[in-house]
């Protein structure tokens, strides 16, 4: 199924990330990176899915929803971990922050062009810069280990 290509890709990458990295910032950065990359790798699939998903049979939607829910939960868990570790601002709502990240990146399918003004890597850098400057604590913003996450 069309959606399964890209949701399986981002879910696999998210699962690999949470096993590979210890820092919540590194985890979220790599999750964002693979999420944005999916729009380069699977743009035709994603576009068709978003335009035609209302026609999917219920049993197909159930499988998709389970994977999407797990992907969302991973992002929310990483955000909560970042708050617990003092890297992300504690006053932020985990669910609103997570859904904001997902929503912002999901909209990429509408405007991204492989031959456009910015490469997918540059777009990823912009997303990370915007997201991390919004959620990092002041201490995390000064952490030299995260210099690479600034554009």
C-alpha atoms as a PDB file:
ATOM      1  CA  UNK A   1       0.000   0.000   0.000  1.00  0.00           C
ATOM      2  CA  UNK A   2       1.224   3.503  -0.836  1.00  0.00           C
ATOM      3  CA  UNK A   3       1.238   4.896   2.701  1.00  0.00           C
ATOM      4  CA  UNK A   4       3.015   1.868   4.062  1.00  0.00           C
ATOM      5  CA  UNK A   5       6.171   2.747   2.117  1.00  0.00           C
ATOM      6  CA  UNK A   6       6.824   5.981   3.930  1.00  0.00           C
ATOM      7  CA  UNK A   7       5.265   5.318   7.332  1.00  0.00           C
ATOM      8  CA  UNK A   8       7.282   2.094   7.572  1.00  0.00           C
ATOM      9  CA  UNK A   9      10.439   3.989   6.589  1.00  0.00           C
ATOM     10  CA  UNK A  10      10.045   6.736   9.216  1.00  0.00           C
ATOM     11  CA  UNK A  11       8.958   4.259  11.892  1.00  0.00           C
ATOM     12  CA  UNK A  12      11.969   2.035  11.208  1.00  0.00           C
ATOM     13  CA  UNK A  13      14.306   5.053  11.343  1.00  0.00           C
ATOM     14  CA  UNK A  14      12.708   6.301  14.573  1.00  0.00           C
ATOM     15  CA  UNK A  15      13.092   2.897  16.213  1.00  0.00           C
ATOM     16  CA  UNK A  16      16.736   2.702  15.103  1.00  0.00           C
ATOM     17  CA  UNK A  17      17.327   6.213  16.437  1.00  0.00           C
ATOM     18  CA  UNK A  18      15.966   5.599  19.923  1.00  0.00           C
ATOM     19  CA  UNK A  19      18.198   2.525  20.193  1.00  0.00           C
ATOM     20  CA  UNK A  20      21.292   4.306  18.854  1.00  0.00           C
ATOM     21  CA  UNK A  21      21.354   7.712  20.558  1.00  0.00           C
ATOM     22  CA  UNK A  22      21.244   8.621  24.230  1.00  0.00           C
ATOM     23  CA  UNK A  23      20.627  12.383  24.103  1.00  0.00           C
ATOM     24  CA  UNK A  24      17.010  13.471  23.528  1.00  0.00           C
ATOM     25  CA  UNK A  25      18.296  16.238  21.233  1.00  0.00           C
ATOM     26  CA  UNK A  26      20.234  13.746  19.113  1.00  0.00           C
ATOM     27  CA  UNK A  27      17.225  11.436  19.021  1.00  0.00           C
ATOM     28  CA  UNK A  28      14.818  14.165  17.957  1.00  0.00           C
ATOM     29  CA  UNK A  29      17.279  15.537  15.411  1.00  0.00           C
ATOM     30  CA  UNK A  30      17.646  12.142  13.743  1.00  0.00           C
ATOM     31  CA  UNK A  31      13.904  11.515  13.812  1.00  0.00           C
ATOM     32  CA  UNK A  32      13.301  14.890  12.157  1.00  0.00           C
ATOM     33  CA  UNK A  33      16.063  14.205   9.638  1.00  0.00           C
ATOM     34  CA  UNK A  34      14.567  10.880   8.510  1.00  0.00           C
ATOM     35  CA  UNK A  35      11.034  12.336   8.542  1.00  0.00           C
ATOM     36  CA  UNK A  36      12.004  15.188   6.217  1.00  0.00           C
ATOM     37  CA  UNK A  37      14.043  12.798   4.047  1.00  0.00           C
ATOM     38  CA  UNK A  38      10.905  10.716   3.508  1.00  0.00           C
ATOM     39  CA  UNK A  39       9.396  13.614   1.561  1.00  0.00           C
ATOM     40  CA  UNK A  40      12.328  13.435  -0.843  1.00  0.00           C
ATOM     41  CA  UNK A  41      12.314   9.644  -1.111  1.00  0.00           C
ATOM     42  CA  UNK A  42       8.549   9.085  -1.230  1.00  0.00           C
ATOM     43  CA  UNK A  43       6.990  12.361  -2.412  1.00  0.00           C
ATOM     44  CA  UNK A  44       4.790  10.751  -5.115  1.00  0.00           C
ATOM     45  CA  UNK A  45       3.516   8.141  -2.632  1.00  0.00           C
ATOM     46  CA  UNK A  46       2.863  10.731   0.053  1.00  0.00           C
ATOM     47  CA  UNK A  47       1.045  13.078  -2.322  1.00  0.00           C
ATOM     48  CA  UNK A  48      -1.248  10.321  -3.586  1.00  0.00           C
ATOM     49  CA  UNK A  49      -1.906   9.116  -0.042  1.00  0.00           C
ATOM     50  CA  UNK A  50      -2.901  12.546   1.272  1.00  0.00           C
ATOM     51  CA  UNK A  51      -5.143  13.187  -1.713  1.00  0.00           C
ATOM     52  CA  UNK A  52      -6.759   9.747  -1.818  1.00  0.00           C
ATOM     53  CA  UNK A  53      -6.711   8.477   1.789  1.00  0.00           C
ATOM     54  CA  UNK A  54     -10.430   9.134   2.235  1.00  0.00           C
ATOM     55  CA  UNK A  55     -11.080   6.221  -0.130  1.00  0.00           C
ATOM     56  CA  UNK A  56      -9.113   3.610   1.845  1.00  0.00           C
ATOM     57  CA  UNK A  57     -10.919   0.597   3.215  1.00  0.00           C
ATOM     58  CA  UNK A  58     -11.245   0.495   7.028  1.00  0.00           C
ATOM     59  CA  UNK A  59      -8.900  -2.493   7.446  1.00  0.00           C
ATOM     60  CA  UNK A  60      -6.149  -0.622   5.564  1.00  0.00           C
ATOM     61  CA  UNK A  61      -6.697   2.494   7.668  1.00  0.00           C
ATOM     62  CA  UNK A  62      -6.408   0.499  10.896  1.00  0.00           C
ATOM     63  CA  UNK A  63      -2.926  -0.754   9.990  1.00  0.00           C
ATOM     64  CA  UNK A  64      -1.815   2.729   8.946  1.00  0.00           C
ATOM     65  CA  UNK A  65      -3.267   4.308  12.076  1.00  0.00           C
ATOM     66  CA  UNK A  66      -1.378   1.842  14.304  1.00  0.00           C
ATOM     67  CA  UNK A  67       1.950   2.737  12.677  1.00  0.00           C
ATOM     68  CA  UNK A  68       1.197   6.460  12.728  1.00  0.00           C
ATOM     69  CA  UNK A  69       0.200   6.261  16.388  1.00  0.00           C
ATOM     70  CA  UNK A  70       3.427   4.445  17.262  1.00  0.00           C
ATOM     71  CA  UNK A  71       5.466   7.008  15.339  1.00  0.00           C
ATOM     72  CA  UNK A  72       3.706   9.860  17.137  1.00  0.00           C
ATOM     73  CA  UNK A  73       4.230   8.124  20.474  1.00  0.00           C
ATOM     74  CA  UNK A  74       7.971   7.811  19.828  1.00  0.00           C
ATOM     75  CA  UNK A  75       8.190  11.543  19.136  1.00  0.00           C
ATOM     76  CA  UNK A  76       6.190  12.344  22.277  1.00  0.00           C
ATOM     77  CA  UNK A  77       8.367  10.009  24.365  1.00  0.00           C
ATOM     78  CA  UNK A  78      11.534  11.713  23.099  1.00  0.00           C
ATOM     79  CA  UNK A  79      10.099  15.138  23.885  1.00  0.00           C
ATOM     80  CA  UNK A  80       9.154  14.016  27.403  1.00  0.00           C
ATOM     81  CA  UNK A  81      12.619  12.548  27.831  1.00  0.00           C
ATOM     82  CA  UNK A  82      14.108  15.873  26.732  1.00  0.00           C
ATOM     83  CA  UNK A  83      12.041  17.673  29.360  1.00  0.00           C
ATOM     84  CA  UNK A  84      13.019  15.141  32.022  1.00  0.00           C
ATOM     85  CA  UNK A  85      16.723  15.512  31.112  1.00  0.00           C
ATOM     86  CA  UNK A  86      16.482  19.309  31.193  1.00  0.00           C
ATOM     87  CA  UNK A  87      17.237  19.753  27.487  1.00  0.00           C
ATOM     88  CA  UNK A  88      13.715  20.815  26.490  1.00  0.00           C
ATOM     89  CA  UNK A  89      11.610  23.463  28.190  1.00  0.00           C
ATOM     90  CA  UNK A  90       9.420  21.973  30.913  1.00  0.00           C
ATOM     91  CA  UNK A  91       6.580  24.461  30.420  1.00  0.00           C
ATOM     92  CA  UNK A  92       5.827  23.104  26.945  1.00  0.00           C
ATOM     93  CA  UNK A  93       2.971  20.688  26.389  1.00  0.00           C
ATOM     94  CA  UNK A  94       4.455  17.423  25.140  1.00  0.00           C
ATOM     95  CA  UNK A  95       1.463  16.625  22.936  1.00  0.00           C
ATOM     96  CA  UNK A  96       1.151  20.093  21.398  1.00  0.00           C
ATOM     97  CA  UNK A  97       4.906  20.265  20.794  1.00  0.00           C
ATOM     98  CA  UNK A  98       4.937  16.823  19.176  1.00  0.00           C
ATOM     99  CA  UNK A  99       1.907  17.469  17.010  1.00  0.00           C
ATOM    100  CA  UNK A 100       3.357  20.842  15.976  1.00  0.00           C
ATOM    101  CA  UNK A 101       6.541  19.151  14.789  1.00  0.00           C
ATOM    102  CA  UNK A 102       4.609  16.463  12.931  1.00  0.00           C
ATOM    103  CA  UNK A 103       2.254  19.005  11.378  1.00  0.00           C
ATOM    104  CA  UNK A 104       5.013  21.346  10.277  1.00  0.00           C
ATOM    105  CA  UNK A 105       6.986  18.587   8.607  1.00  0.00           C
ATOM    106  CA  UNK A 106       3.931  16.844   7.124  1.00  0.00           C
ATOM    107  CA  UNK A 107       3.069  19.986   5.173  1.00  0.00           C
ATOM    108  CA  UNK A 108       6.362  19.591   3.264  1.00  0.00           C
ATOM    109  CA  UNK A 109       4.589  17.375   0.740  1.00  0.00           C
ATOM    110  CA  UNK A 110       2.653  20.399  -0.518  1.00  0.00           C
ATOM    111  CA  UNK A 111       5.597  22.623  -1.365  1.00  0.00           C
ATOM    112  CA  UNK A 112       8.817  20.581  -1.539  1.00  0.00           C
ATOM    113  CA  UNK A 113      10.442  20.201  -4.947  1.00  0.00           C
ATOM    114  CA  UNK A 114      13.596  18.136  -5.420  1.00  0.00           C
ATOM    115  CA  UNK A 115      14.873  20.726  -7.886  1.00  0.00           C
ATOM    116  CA  UNK A 116      13.745  23.643  -5.721  1.00  0.00           C
ATOM    117  CA  UNK A 117      15.656  26.465  -4.088  1.00  0.00           C
ATOM    118  CA  UNK A 118      16.877  24.355  -1.121  1.00  0.00           C
ATOM    119  CA  UNK A 119      18.078  20.773  -0.881  1.00  0.00           C
ATOM    120  CA  UNK A 120      16.329  18.351   1.440  1.00  0.00           C
ATOM    121  CA  UNK A 121      19.340  18.579   3.774  1.00  0.00           C
ATOM    122  CA  UNK A 122      19.074  22.378   3.899  1.00  0.00           C
ATOM    123  CA  UNK A 123      15.343  22.128   4.583  1.00  0.00           C
ATOM    124  CA  UNK A 124      16.072  19.680   7.402  1.00  0.00           C
ATOM    125  CA  UNK A 125      18.540  22.165   8.859  1.00  0.00           C
ATOM    126  CA  UNK A 126      15.899  24.922   8.819  1.00  0.00           C
ATOM    127  CA  UNK A 127      13.336  22.691  10.503  1.00  0.00           C
ATOM    128  CA  UNK A 128      15.806  21.651  13.199  1.00  0.00           C
ATOM    129  CA  UNK A 129      16.909  25.230  13.787  1.00  0.00           C
ATOM    130  CA  UNK A 130      13.313  26.414  14.200  1.00  0.00           C
ATOM    131  CA  UNK A 131      12.244  23.461  16.340  1.00  0.00           C
ATOM    132  CA  UNK A 132      15.232  23.312  18.666  1.00  0.00           C
ATOM    133  CA  UNK A 133      15.352  27.039  19.272  1.00  0.00           C
ATOM    134  CA  UNK A 134      11.705  26.806  20.295  1.00  0.00           C
ATOM    135  CA  UNK A 135      12.033  23.833  22.640  1.00  0.00           C
ATOM    136  CA  UNK A 136      15.585  23.899  24.032  1.00  0.00           C
ATOM    137  CA  UNK A 137      16.289  25.239  27.486  1.00  0.00           C
ATOM    138  CA  UNK A 138      18.761  28.133  27.642  1.00  0.00           C
ATOM    139  CA  UNK A 139      21.403  25.692  28.859  1.00  0.00           C
ATOM    140  CA  UNK A 140      20.851  23.343  25.921  1.00  0.00           C
ATOM    141  CA  UNK A 141      21.099  26.267  23.492  1.00  0.00           C
ATOM    142  CA  UNK A 142      24.634  26.886  24.791  1.00  0.00           C
ATOM    143  CA  UNK A 143      25.698  23.226  24.660  1.00  0.00           C
ATOM    144  CA  UNK A 144      28.647  23.005  22.227  1.00  0.00           C
ATOM    145  CA  UNK A 145      27.642  19.443  21.338  1.00  0.00           C
ATOM    146  CA  UNK A 146      24.561  20.859  19.582  1.00  0.00           C
ATOM    147  CA  UNK A 147      26.322  23.507  17.480  1.00  0.00           C
ATOM    148  CA  UNK A 148      25.780  21.388  14.366  1.00  0.00           C
ATOM    149  CA  UNK A 149      21.997  21.734  14.780  1.00  0.00           C
ATOM    150  CA  UNK A 150      22.102  25.450  14.024  1.00  0.00           C
ATOM    151  CA  UNK A 151      21.840  26.683  10.451  1.00  0.00           C
END
